[in-house]
Amino acid sequence: MAMSTRSMLLPFHRMSCCNLKNAVVSLDMRFPLPFVVSVRTKKRYFIPPAVGIKGKTQVDQAAKARAAGIIIKQEYMERAINIACTAGVFDPYIPPEGDSRLSSLSKEGLKQRTEQIRQSAASQLAIRKIKEHDTKFTSKEFPGHAQRIYIEAHNVLTQFNKEKLHSLVTERCYPEMTRANRYKTLRWNFVESLEPPKVVHARCPDMVSKGNLYGQVTIRIHSRQTLAIYDRFGRLMLGSEEEPKDVLEYLVLERHLINLYGRWRLHGKIVPAWAPAKDPIIKTVMIPGPELKPGEEFETLNFEVPKPKAIQWHK
């Protein structure tokens, strides 16, 4: 086929210009189909040798890498943990119902008194162990220091100073205080202390190893505060800046005792089961209304906002 084509093309190049049209017509008559010579081309894309090969295991790849002199870094599947603070409150304090002392003659009062004696005995042992590592710790002066930490931490929270807040609260307490605070404005003020703060509970747990000790002290603070939370549109969501409220809180402060540079920081808060429910948050939502025509105002339409239907829900 190649020889016949060459013999046909040689006289075609020697033809004059006048016979060019006749030659093209004669070629069309002889070969009605397009004359195409297929040429096999090589593949242009690159396939890595490890792709598409079945039966390859990780052991074989590691053996080949060692034979080639390539060092593969070992991958550890363990999860990193933070030992600067504990994961929660160890043996949390159980406040008496209503923060009052019941009569010892009743069954509930006798049970409450027994629980207080048990907790106070364990607290005294924990305070002794804390004093071995923190010589400046005293049950009389520490509540005032804890209250100053509490006030400074909340003032820093309203200013969104992350670096300063990390030095006042633990890594467990930080996300709980800053969660859902984005695009919000906080106004908090400590008005006065209604009762002097006092130590009601102390524990000295260990984590990971026996000598890795942490000190946890629960402080009872009864104060008067103001709190106001505004959303990103400047509308009030919760509280008031002018009406102070009486707040009773049980705060847990923690310190890594074996760390020479450790400090007391806020670790959590104990909310008793008998505590009253919080005030609901007023959320800003958009209610769909009628489409206004040019020159029309919403007040003139006397549009009634539809009430939502009652829907059953569960928690």
C-alpha atoms as a PDB file:
ATOM      1  CA  MET A   1       0.000   0.000   0.000  1.00  0.00           C
ATOM      2  CA  ALA A   2       2.872   2.373   0.818  1.00  0.00           C
ATOM      3  CA  MET A   3       4.652   1.623  -2.463  1.00  0.00           C
ATOM      4  CA  SER A   4       1.540   2.296  -4.553  1.00  0.00           C
ATOM      5  CA  THR A   5       0.945   5.582  -2.777  1.00  0.00           C
ATOM      6  CA  ARG A   6       4.483   6.732  -3.404  1.00  0.00           C
ATOM      7  CA  SER A   7       4.254   5.859  -7.083  1.00  0.00           C
ATOM      8  CA  MET A   8       1.051   7.873  -7.326  1.00  0.00           C
ATOM      9  CA  LEU A   9       2.471  10.926  -5.532  1.00  0.00           C
ATOM     10  CA  LEU A  10       5.699  11.142  -7.555  1.00  0.00           C
ATOM     11  CA  PRO A  11       4.070  12.028 -10.894  1.00  0.00           C
ATOM     12  CA  PHE A  12       1.644  14.297  -9.023  1.00  0.00           C
ATOM     13  CA  HIS A  13       4.468  16.601  -7.915  1.00  0.00           C
ATOM     14  CA  ARG A  14       5.833  16.783 -11.484  1.00  0.00           C
ATOM     15  CA  MET A  15       2.526  17.946 -12.933  1.00  0.00           C
ATOM     16  CA  SER A  16       2.134  21.476 -14.179  1.00  0.00           C
ATOM     17  CA  CYS A  17      -0.295  23.969 -12.651  1.00  0.00           C
ATOM     18  CA  CYS A  18      -2.696  23.716 -15.568  1.00  0.00           C
ATOM     19  CA  ASN A  19      -3.297  20.001 -15.003  1.00  0.00           C
ATOM     20  CA  LEU A  20      -3.638  20.355 -11.198  1.00  0.00           C
ATOM     21  CA  LYS A  21      -7.448  20.507 -11.191  1.00  0.00           C
ATOM     22  CA  ASN A  22      -7.772  17.492 -13.457  1.00  0.00           C
ATOM     23  CA  ALA A  23      -5.422  15.511 -11.242  1.00  0.00           C
ATOM     24  CA  VAL A  24      -7.433  16.345  -8.147  1.00  0.00           C
ATOM     25  CA  VAL A  25     -10.617  15.310  -9.907  1.00  0.00           C
ATOM     26  CA  SER A  26      -9.030  12.048 -11.044  1.00  0.00           C
ATOM     27  CA  LEU A  27      -7.871  11.334  -7.487  1.00  0.00           C
ATOM     28  CA  ASP A  28     -11.345  11.957  -6.141  1.00  0.00           C
ATOM     29  CA  MET A  29     -12.767   9.587  -8.665  1.00  0.00           C
ATOM     30  CA  ARG A  30     -10.281   6.840  -7.865  1.00  0.00           C
ATOM     31  CA  PHE A  31     -10.495   7.238  -4.045  1.00  0.00           C
ATOM     32  CA  PRO A  32     -13.983   8.348  -3.021  1.00  0.00           C
ATOM     33  CA  LEU A  33     -13.159   7.774   0.681  1.00  0.00           C
ATOM     34  CA  PRO A  34     -10.620  10.004   2.509  1.00  0.00           C
ATOM     35  CA  PHE A  35      -7.170   8.562   2.267  1.00  0.00           C
ATOM     36  CA  VAL A  36      -5.768   8.429   5.833  1.00  0.00           C
ATOM     37  CA  VAL A  37      -2.623   6.677   6.969  1.00  0.00           C
ATOM     38  CA  SER A  38      -3.003   5.659  10.631  1.00  0.00           C
ATOM     39  CA  VAL A  39       0.075   6.284  12.779  1.00  0.00           C
ATOM     40  CA  ARG A  40       0.409   4.658  16.247  1.00  0.00           C
ATOM     41  CA  THR A  41       1.313   7.242  18.876  1.00  0.00           C
ATOM     42  CA  LYS A  42       2.790   6.652  22.332  1.00  0.00           C
ATOM     43  CA  LYS A  43       0.896   7.410  25.572  1.00  0.00           C
ATOM     44  CA  ARG A  44       1.487  10.919  26.846  1.00  0.00           C
ATOM     45  CA  TYR A  45       0.461  10.510  30.531  1.00  0.00           C
ATOM     46  CA  PHE A  46       2.625   9.005  33.252  1.00  0.00           C
ATOM     47  CA  ILE A  47       1.363   6.250  35.564  1.00  0.00           C
ATOM     48  CA  PRO A  48       3.294   5.889  38.836  1.00  0.00           C
ATOM     49  CA  PRO A  49       4.451   2.365  39.447  1.00  0.00           C
ATOM     50  CA  ALA A  50       2.692   2.125  42.866  1.00  0.00           C
ATOM     51  CA  VAL A  51      -0.747   2.978  41.441  1.00  0.00           C
ATOM     52  CA  GLY A  52      -2.938   0.121  40.336  1.00  0.00           C
ATOM     53  CA  ILE A  53      -0.665  -2.626  41.617  1.00  0.00           C
ATOM     54  CA  LYS A  54      -2.596  -5.195  43.612  1.00  0.00           C
ATOM     55  CA  GLY A  55      -1.180  -7.221  46.441  1.00  0.00           C
ATOM     56  CA  LYS A  56       1.090  -4.461  47.700  1.00  0.00           C
ATOM     57  CA  THR A  57       1.166  -4.167  51.480  1.00  0.00           C
ATOM     58  CA  GLN A  58       2.688  -1.635  53.798  1.00  0.00           C
ATOM     59  CA  VAL A  59       5.276  -4.160  54.942  1.00  0.00           C
ATOM     60  CA  ASP A  60       6.562  -4.655  51.383  1.00  0.00           C
ATOM     61  CA  GLN A  61       6.797  -0.900  50.839  1.00  0.00           C
ATOM     62  CA  ALA A  62       8.719  -0.458  54.099  1.00  0.00           C
ATOM     63  CA  ALA A  63      11.112  -3.272  53.147  1.00  0.00           C
ATOM     64  CA  LYS A  64      11.779  -1.699  49.742  1.00  0.00           C
ATOM     65  CA  ALA A  65      12.326   1.692  51.370  1.00  0.00           C
ATOM     66  CA  ARG A  66      14.882   0.227  53.800  1.00  0.00           C
ATOM     67  CA  ALA A  67      16.639  -1.544  50.943  1.00  0.00           C
ATOM     68  CA  ALA A  68      16.826   1.754  49.055  1.00  0.00           C
ATOM     69  CA  GLY A  69      18.194   3.572  52.119  1.00  0.00           C
ATOM     70  CA  ILE A  70      15.089   5.710  52.712  1.00  0.00           C
ATOM     71  CA  ILE A  71      14.107   6.309  56.347  1.00  0.00           C
ATOM     72  CA  ILE A  72      10.341   6.397  56.935  1.00  0.00           C
ATOM     73  CA  LYS A  73       9.216   8.370  60.001  1.00  0.00           C
ATOM     74  CA  GLN A  74       7.194   6.296  62.428  1.00  0.00           C
ATOM     75  CA  GLU A  75       3.586   7.420  62.860  1.00  0.00           C
ATOM     76  CA  TYR A  76       2.186   7.315  66.378  1.00  0.00           C
ATOM     77  CA  MET A  77      -1.548   6.744  66.760  1.00  0.00           C
ATOM     78  CA  GLU A  78      -1.649   7.978  70.359  1.00  0.00           C
ATOM     79  CA  ARG A  79      -3.701  11.076  71.081  1.00  0.00           C
ATOM     80  CA  ALA A  80      -1.917  14.020  72.677  1.00  0.00           C
ATOM     81  CA  ILE A  81      -3.213  15.155  76.076  1.00  0.00           C
ATOM     82  CA  ASN A  82      -2.628  18.248  78.155  1.00  0.00           C
ATOM     83  CA  ILE A  83      -1.393  17.651  81.706  1.00  0.00           C
ATOM     84  CA  ALA A  84      -1.402  21.318  82.749  1.00  0.00           C
ATOM     85  CA  CYS A  85      -4.882  20.730  84.195  1.00  0.00           C
ATOM     86  CA  THR A  86      -7.257  17.870  84.929  1.00  0.00           C
ATOM     87  CA  ALA A  87     -10.175  16.873  82.722  1.00  0.00           C
ATOM     88  CA  GLY A  88     -12.856  17.753  85.276  1.00  0.00           C
ATOM     89  CA  VAL A  89     -13.752  18.390  88.907  1.00  0.00           C
ATOM     90  CA  PHE A  90     -12.647  15.547  91.160  1.00  0.00           C
ATOM     91  CA  ASP A  91     -15.210  14.591  93.829  1.00  0.00           C
ATOM     92  CA  PRO A  92     -17.326  17.763  93.343  1.00  0.00           C
ATOM     93  CA  TYR A  93     -18.786  19.582  96.318  1.00  0.00           C
ATOM     94  CA  ILE A  94     -22.517  19.004  96.920  1.00  0.00           C
ATOM     95  CA  PRO A  95     -24.050  22.246  98.225  1.00  0.00           C
ATOM     96  CA  PRO A  96     -26.898  21.837 100.722  1.00  0.00           C
ATOM     97  CA  GLU A  97     -30.338  22.524  99.301  1.00  0.00           C
ATOM     98  CA  GLY A  98     -31.182  26.188  99.517  1.00  0.00           C
ATOM     99  CA  ASP A  99     -27.672  26.834 100.905  1.00  0.00           C
ATOM    100  CA  SER A 100     -29.129  26.465 104.377  1.00  0.00           C
ATOM    101  CA  ARG A 101     -28.519  24.200 107.331  1.00  0.00           C
ATOM    102  CA  LEU A 102     -31.344  21.844 108.195  1.00  0.00           C
ATOM    103  CA  SER A 103     -32.180  20.714 111.708  1.00  0.00           C
ATOM    104  CA  SER A 104     -30.121  17.764 112.925  1.00  0.00           C
ATOM    105  CA  LEU A 105     -33.258  16.237 114.432  1.00  0.00           C
ATOM    106  CA  SER A 106     -34.780  15.492 111.026  1.00  0.00           C
ATOM    107  CA  LYS A 107     -33.696  12.644 108.777  1.00  0.00           C
ATOM    108  CA  GLU A 108     -32.588  14.979 105.957  1.00  0.00           C
ATOM    109  CA  GLY A 109     -30.682  17.180 108.402  1.00  0.00           C
ATOM    110  CA  LEU A 110     -28.849  14.212 109.905  1.00  0.00           C
ATOM    111  CA  LYS A 111     -27.893  12.993 106.446  1.00  0.00           C
ATOM    112  CA  GLN A 112     -26.669  16.491 105.522  1.00  0.00           C
ATOM    113  CA  ARG A 113     -24.597  16.770 108.682  1.00  0.00           C
ATOM    114  CA  THR A 114     -23.002  13.358 108.072  1.00  0.00           C
ATOM    115  CA  GLU A 115     -22.071  14.328 104.513  1.00  0.00           C
ATOM    116  CA  GLN A 116     -20.549  17.603 105.714  1.00  0.00           C
ATOM    117  CA  ILE A 117     -18.380  15.804 108.285  1.00  0.00           C
ATOM    118  CA  ARG A 118     -17.161  13.325 105.669  1.00  0.00           C
ATOM    119  CA  GLN A 119     -16.325  16.066 103.174  1.00  0.00           C
ATOM    120  CA  SER A 120     -14.647  18.305 105.762  1.00  0.00           C
ATOM    121  CA  ALA A 121     -12.363  15.469 106.927  1.00  0.00           C
ATOM    122  CA  ALA A 122     -11.209  14.780 103.349  1.00  0.00           C
ATOM    123  CA  SER A 123     -10.788  18.531 102.757  1.00  0.00           C
ATOM    124  CA  GLN A 124      -8.448  18.905 105.741  1.00  0.00           C
ATOM    125  CA  LEU A 125      -6.219  16.114 104.429  1.00  0.00           C
ATOM    126  CA  ALA A 126      -6.165  17.731 100.975  1.00  0.00           C
ATOM    127  CA  ILE A 127      -5.297  21.171 102.432  1.00  0.00           C
ATOM    128  CA  ARG A 128      -2.323  19.658 104.279  1.00  0.00           C
ATOM    129  CA  LYS A 129      -1.058  18.131 101.062  1.00  0.00           C
ATOM    130  CA  ILE A 130      -1.540  21.450  99.209  1.00  0.00           C
ATOM    131  CA  LYS A 131       0.450  23.319 101.870  1.00  0.00           C
ATOM    132  CA  GLU A 132       3.378  20.928 101.360  1.00  0.00           C
ATOM    133  CA  HIS A 133       3.760  22.181  97.773  1.00  0.00           C
ATOM    134  CA  ASP A 134       2.368  25.727  98.174  1.00  0.00           C
ATOM    135  CA  THR A 135       3.730  27.228 101.381  1.00  0.00           C
ATOM    136  CA  LYS A 136       1.797  30.503 100.912  1.00  0.00           C
ATOM    137  CA  PHE A 137      -1.587  28.780 100.850  1.00  0.00           C
ATOM    138  CA  THR A 138      -3.874  29.555 103.809  1.00  0.00           C
ATOM    139  CA  SER A 139      -7.591  28.932 104.206  1.00  0.00           C
ATOM    140  CA  LYS A 140      -8.144  32.524 105.422  1.00  0.00           C
ATOM    141  CA  GLU A 141      -6.300  34.478 102.706  1.00  0.00           C
ATOM    142  CA  PHE A 142      -6.949  32.243  99.711  1.00  0.00           C
ATOM    143  CA  PRO A 143     -10.703  33.117  99.302  1.00  0.00           C
ATOM    144  CA  GLY A 144      -9.825  36.798  98.788  1.00  0.00           C
ATOM    145  CA  HIS A 145      -7.179  35.859  96.207  1.00  0.00           C
ATOM    146  CA  ALA A 146      -9.667  33.571  94.441  1.00  0.00           C
ATOM    147  CA  GLN A 147     -12.258  36.358  94.281  1.00  0.00           C
ATOM    148  CA  ARG A 148      -9.723  38.697  92.662  1.00  0.00           C
ATOM    149  CA  ILE A 149      -8.929  36.028  90.049  1.00  0.00           C
ATOM    150  CA  TYR A 150     -12.658  35.599  89.402  1.00  0.00           C
ATOM    151  CA  ILE A 151     -13.223  39.352  88.893  1.00  0.00           C
ATOM    152  CA  GLU A 152     -10.145  39.804  86.684  1.00  0.00           C
ATOM    153  CA  ALA A 153     -11.034  36.799  84.508  1.00  0.00           C
ATOM    154  CA  HIS A 154     -14.524  38.147  83.780  1.00  0.00           C
ATOM    155  CA  ASN A 155     -13.206  41.641  83.066  1.00  0.00           C
ATOM    156  CA  VAL A 156     -10.699  40.169  80.599  1.00  0.00           C
ATOM    157  CA  LEU A 157     -13.488  38.096  79.023  1.00  0.00           C
ATOM    158  CA  THR A 158     -15.480  41.235  78.201  1.00  0.00           C
ATOM    159  CA  GLN A 159     -12.380  42.671  76.492  1.00  0.00           C
ATOM    160  CA  PHE A 160     -11.682  39.413  74.551  1.00  0.00           C
ATOM    161  CA  ASN A 161      -8.038  39.346  75.621  1.00  0.00           C
ATOM    162  CA  LYS A 162      -7.181  35.707  74.878  1.00  0.00           C
ATOM    163  CA  GLU A 163      -3.564  35.793  76.085  1.00  0.00           C
ATOM    164  CA  LYS A 164      -4.482  37.242  79.473  1.00  0.00           C
ATOM    165  CA  LEU A 165      -7.497  34.934  79.831  1.00  0.00           C
ATOM    166  CA  HIS A 166      -5.331  31.829  79.363  1.00  0.00           C
ATOM    167  CA  SER A 167      -3.269  32.862  82.395  1.00  0.00           C
ATOM    168  CA  LEU A 168      -6.405  33.175  84.571  1.00  0.00           C
ATOM    169  CA  VAL A 169      -8.418  30.082  83.539  1.00  0.00           C
ATOM    170  CA  THR A 170      -7.422  26.506  82.782  1.00  0.00           C
ATOM    171  CA  GLU A 171      -7.499  24.838  79.377  1.00  0.00           C
ATOM    172  CA  ARG A 172     -10.727  23.062  80.359  1.00  0.00           C
ATOM    173  CA  CYS A 173     -12.485  26.248  81.514  1.00  0.00           C
ATOM    174  CA  TYR A 174     -11.406  28.422  78.559  1.00  0.00           C
ATOM    175  CA  PRO A 175     -13.732  26.923  75.885  1.00  0.00           C
ATOM    176  CA  GLU A 176     -16.644  26.902  78.327  1.00  0.00           C
ATOM    177  CA  MET A 177     -16.261  30.636  78.976  1.00  0.00           C
ATOM    178  CA  THR A 178     -15.671  31.688  75.365  1.00  0.00           C
ATOM    179  CA  ARG A 179     -18.183  29.400  73.622  1.00  0.00           C
ATOM    180  CA  ALA A 180     -20.850  31.239  71.564  1.00  0.00           C
ATOM    181  CA  ASN A 181     -19.376  34.667  72.444  1.00  0.00           C
ATOM    182  CA  ARG A 182     -18.420  35.559  68.889  1.00  0.00           C
ATOM    183  CA  TYR A 183     -20.174  38.640  67.407  1.00  0.00           C
ATOM    184  CA  LYS A 184     -21.578  39.464  70.881  1.00  0.00           C
ATOM    185  CA  THR A 185     -20.931  42.348  73.264  1.00  0.00           C
ATOM    186  CA  LEU A 186     -20.583  41.566  76.966  1.00  0.00           C
ATOM    187  CA  ARG A 187     -21.072  44.083  79.763  1.00  0.00           C
ATOM    188  CA  TRP A 188     -20.221  42.693  83.216  1.00  0.00           C
ATOM    189  CA  ASN A 189     -19.636  44.513  86.479  1.00  0.00           C
ATOM    190  CA  PHE A 190     -18.921  43.297  90.011  1.00  0.00           C
ATOM    191  CA  VAL A 191     -20.920  45.606  92.283  1.00  0.00           C
ATOM    192  CA  GLU A 192     -20.222  44.304  95.792  1.00  0.00           C
ATOM    193  CA  SER A 193     -19.668  41.209  97.872  1.00  0.00           C
ATOM    194  CA  LEU A 194     -22.668  40.352 100.058  1.00  0.00           C
ATOM    195  CA  GLU A 195     -20.766  37.767 102.131  1.00  0.00           C
ATOM    196  CA  PRO A 196     -17.046  37.183 102.499  1.00  0.00           C
ATOM    197  CA  PRO A 197     -15.900  34.285 100.295  1.00  0.00           C
ATOM    198  CA  LYS A 198     -14.864  31.094 102.053  1.00  0.00           C
ATOM    199  CA  VAL A 199     -13.333  27.699 101.316  1.00  0.00           C
ATOM    200  CA  VAL A 200     -15.966  24.950 101.444  1.00  0.00           C
ATOM    201  CA  HIS A 201     -14.181  22.054  99.744  1.00  0.00           C
ATOM    202  CA  ALA A 202     -10.668  20.916  98.827  1.00  0.00           C
ATOM    203  CA  ARG A 203      -9.272  17.919  96.996  1.00  0.00           C
ATOM    204  CA  CYS A 204      -5.799  16.884  95.872  1.00  0.00           C
ATOM    205  CA  PRO A 205      -6.138  14.360  93.016  1.00  0.00           C
ATOM    206  CA  ASP A 206      -3.366  12.928  90.853  1.00  0.00           C
ATOM    207  CA  MET A 207      -3.335  12.167  87.123  1.00  0.00           C
ATOM    208  CA  VAL A 208      -1.254   9.887  84.842  1.00  0.00           C
ATOM    209  CA  SER A 209       1.154   9.022  87.672  1.00  0.00           C
ATOM    210  CA  LYS A 210       0.939   8.869  91.444  1.00  0.00           C
ATOM    211  CA  GLY A 211       3.172  11.874  92.147  1.00  0.00           C
ATOM    212  CA  ASN A 212       1.560  14.174  89.562  1.00  0.00           C
ATOM    213  CA  LEU A 213      -0.635  16.129  92.011  1.00  0.00           C
ATOM    214  CA  TYR A 214      -3.233  18.810  91.372  1.00  0.00           C
ATOM    215  CA  GLY A 215      -4.910  21.006  93.962  1.00  0.00           C
ATOM    216  CA  GLN A 216      -8.630  21.782  93.584  1.00  0.00           C
ATOM    217  CA  VAL A 217     -10.292  24.219  95.996  1.00  0.00           C
ATOM    218  CA  THR A 218     -13.997  25.126  95.901  1.00  0.00           C
ATOM    219  CA  ILE A 219     -14.877  28.707  96.947  1.00  0.00           C
ATOM    220  CA  ARG A 220     -18.336  29.955  97.890  1.00  0.00           C
ATOM    221  CA  ILE A 221     -18.918  33.512  96.567  1.00  0.00           C
ATOM    222  CA  HIS A 222     -22.119  35.449  97.266  1.00  0.00           C
ATOM    223  CA  SER A 223     -22.038  38.760  95.417  1.00  0.00           C
ATOM    224  CA  ARG A 224     -24.081  41.323  93.516  1.00  0.00           C
ATOM    225  CA  GLN A 225     -23.374  41.675  89.802  1.00  0.00           C
ATOM    226  CA  THR A 226     -24.705  43.177  86.592  1.00  0.00           C
ATOM    227  CA  LEU A 227     -24.600  41.370  83.256  1.00  0.00           C
ATOM    228  CA  ALA A 228     -25.846  42.433  79.835  1.00  0.00           C
ATOM    229  CA  ILE A 229     -25.305  40.555  76.567  1.00  0.00           C
ATOM    230  CA  TYR A 230     -25.943  42.254  73.209  1.00  0.00           C
ATOM    231  CA  ASP A 231     -26.046  40.515  69.842  1.00  0.00           C
ATOM    232  CA  ARG A 232     -24.198  41.656  66.728  1.00  0.00           C
ATOM    233  CA  PHE A 233     -27.024  44.089  65.891  1.00  0.00           C
ATOM    234  CA  GLY A 234     -26.740  45.808  69.280  1.00  0.00           C
ATOM    235  CA  ARG A 235     -30.001  44.379  70.634  1.00  0.00           C
ATOM    236  CA  LEU A 236     -30.206  43.215  74.236  1.00  0.00           C
ATOM    237  CA  MET A 237     -30.261  39.430  74.562  1.00  0.00           C
ATOM    238  CA  LEU A 238     -29.915  38.866  78.298  1.00  0.00           C
ATOM    239  CA  GLY A 239     -29.701  40.812  81.546  1.00  0.00           C
ATOM    240  CA  SER A 240     -29.458  44.530  82.201  1.00  0.00           C
ATOM    241  CA  GLU A 241     -26.657  46.989  82.910  1.00  0.00           C
ATOM    242  CA  GLU A 242     -28.716  48.932  85.454  1.00  0.00           C
ATOM    243  CA  GLU A 243     -30.403  46.179  87.517  1.00  0.00           C
ATOM    244  CA  PRO A 244     -27.901  44.264  89.687  1.00  0.00           C
ATOM    245  CA  LYS A 245     -28.702  40.715  90.781  1.00  0.00           C
ATOM    246  CA  ASP A 246     -27.613  38.618  93.749  1.00  0.00           C
ATOM    247  CA  VAL A 247     -25.485  35.710  92.563  1.00  0.00           C
ATOM    248  CA  LEU A 248     -24.428  32.682  94.622  1.00  0.00           C
ATOM    249  CA  GLU A 249     -21.654  30.659  92.976  1.00  0.00           C
ATOM    250  CA  TYR A 250     -19.408  27.752  93.876  1.00  0.00           C
ATOM    251  CA  LEU A 251     -16.157  28.191  91.949  1.00  0.00           C
ATOM    252  CA  VAL A 252     -13.420  25.582  91.565  1.00  0.00           C
ATOM    253  CA  LEU A 253      -9.813  26.776  91.316  1.00  0.00           C
ATOM    254  CA  GLU A 254      -6.985  24.454  90.354  1.00  0.00           C
ATOM    255  CA  ARG A 255      -3.211  24.453  90.394  1.00  0.00           C
ATOM    256  CA  HIS A 256      -0.596  21.981  89.168  1.00  0.00           C
ATOM    257  CA  LEU A 257       1.234  21.518  92.454  1.00  0.00           C
ATOM    258  CA  ILE A 258       4.446  19.873  91.240  1.00  0.00           C
ATOM    259  CA  ASN A 259       4.967  22.632  88.648  1.00  0.00           C
ATOM    260  CA  LEU A 260       7.236  25.304  90.108  1.00  0.00           C
ATOM    261  CA  TYR A 261       5.695  27.956  87.840  1.00  0.00           C
ATOM    262  CA  GLY A 262       2.099  26.817  88.370  1.00  0.00           C
ATOM    263  CA  ARG A 263      -0.572  29.253  89.503  1.00  0.00           C
ATOM    264  CA  TRP A 264      -4.134  29.111  90.739  1.00  0.00           C
ATOM    265  CA  ARG A 265      -6.638  29.421  87.901  1.00  0.00           C
ATOM    266  CA  LEU A 266     -10.380  29.081  87.431  1.00  0.00           C
ATOM    267  CA  HIS A 267     -11.214  25.496  86.540  1.00  0.00           C
ATOM    268  CA  GLY A 268     -14.998  25.185  86.703  1.00  0.00           C
ATOM    269  CA  LYS A 269     -18.234  25.992  88.447  1.00  0.00           C
ATOM    270  CA  ILE A 270     -20.588  23.788  90.448  1.00  0.00           C
ATOM    271  CA  VAL A 271     -24.281  24.344  89.729  1.00  0.00           C
ATOM    272  CA  PRO A 272     -26.475  22.553  92.285  1.00  0.00           C
ATOM    273  CA  ALA A 273     -29.578  20.667  91.226  1.00  0.00           C
ATOM    274  CA  TRP A 274     -31.850  22.966  93.250  1.00  0.00           C
ATOM    275  CA  ALA A 275     -30.593  26.121  91.503  1.00  0.00           C
ATOM    276  CA  PRO A 276     -33.318  28.140  89.712  1.00  0.00           C
ATOM    277  CA  ALA A 277     -33.494  28.052  85.934  1.00  0.00           C
ATOM    278  CA  LYS A 278     -31.712  30.737  83.934  1.00  0.00           C
ATOM    279  CA  ASP A 279     -33.563  33.515  82.170  1.00  0.00           C
ATOM    280  CA  PRO A 280     -34.334  32.740  78.516  1.00  0.00           C
ATOM    281  CA  ILE A 281     -32.218  34.453  75.875  1.00  0.00           C
ATOM    282  CA  ILE A 282     -34.036  36.885  73.601  1.00  0.00           C
ATOM    283  CA  LYS A 283     -32.944  36.006  70.056  1.00  0.00           C
ATOM    284  CA  THR A 284     -33.191  38.307  67.051  1.00  0.00           C
ATOM    285  CA  VAL A 285     -35.015  36.624  64.169  1.00  0.00           C
ATOM    286  CA  MET A 286     -36.442  37.835  60.867  1.00  0.00           C
ATOM    287  CA  ILE A 287     -40.188  37.369  60.359  1.00  0.00           C
ATOM    288  CA  PRO A 288     -41.216  37.245  56.669  1.00  0.00           C
ATOM    289  CA  GLY A 289     -43.644  40.009  55.797  1.00  0.00           C
ATOM    290  CA  PRO A 290     -45.570  41.180  52.722  1.00  0.00           C
ATOM    291  CA  GLU A 291     -43.823  42.495  49.630  1.00  0.00           C
ATOM    292  CA  LEU A 292     -44.126  46.264  49.547  1.00  0.00           C
ATOM    293  CA  LYS A 293     -44.835  48.110  46.351  1.00  0.00           C
ATOM    294  CA  PRO A 294     -42.993  51.325  45.431  1.00  0.00           C
ATOM    295  CA  GLY A 295     -44.268  54.152  47.622  1.00  0.00           C
ATOM    296  CA  GLU A 296     -45.922  51.798  50.134  1.00  0.00           C
ATOM    297  CA  GLU A 297     -45.089  51.691  53.859  1.00  0.00           C
ATOM    298  CA  PHE A 298     -45.340  48.757  56.239  1.00  0.00           C
ATOM    299  CA  GLU A 299     -47.220  50.695  58.941  1.00  0.00           C
ATOM    300  CA  THR A 300     -50.121  51.500  56.626  1.00  0.00           C
ATOM    301  CA  LEU A 301     -50.826  47.826  55.787  1.00  0.00           C
ATOM    302  CA  ASN A 302     -51.802  46.807  59.370  1.00  0.00           C
ATOM    303  CA  PHE A 303     -50.053  43.492  58.826  1.00  0.00           C
ATOM    304  CA  GLU A 304     -50.564  40.900  61.587  1.00  0.00           C
ATOM    305  CA  VAL A 305     -47.599  38.711  62.424  1.00  0.00           C
ATOM    306  CA  PRO A 306     -48.645  35.023  62.187  1.00  0.00           C
ATOM    307  CA  LYS A 307     -48.196  33.001  65.351  1.00  0.00           C
ATOM    308  CA  PRO A 308     -46.168  29.790  65.138  1.00  0.00           C
ATOM    309  CA  LYS A 309     -47.989  26.493  65.395  1.00  0.00           C
ATOM    310  CA  ALA A 310     -47.603  24.330  68.481  1.00  0.00           C
ATOM    311  CA  ILE A 311     -45.101  21.562  67.762  1.00  0.00           C
ATOM    312  CA  GLN A 312     -44.269  18.655  70.025  1.00  0.00           C
ATOM    313  CA  TRP A 313     -40.567  18.406  70.871  1.00  0.00           C
ATOM    314  CA  HIS A 314     -38.288  16.342  73.054  1.00  0.00           C
ATOM    315  CA  LYS A 315     -34.848  16.777  74.558  1.00  0.00           C
END
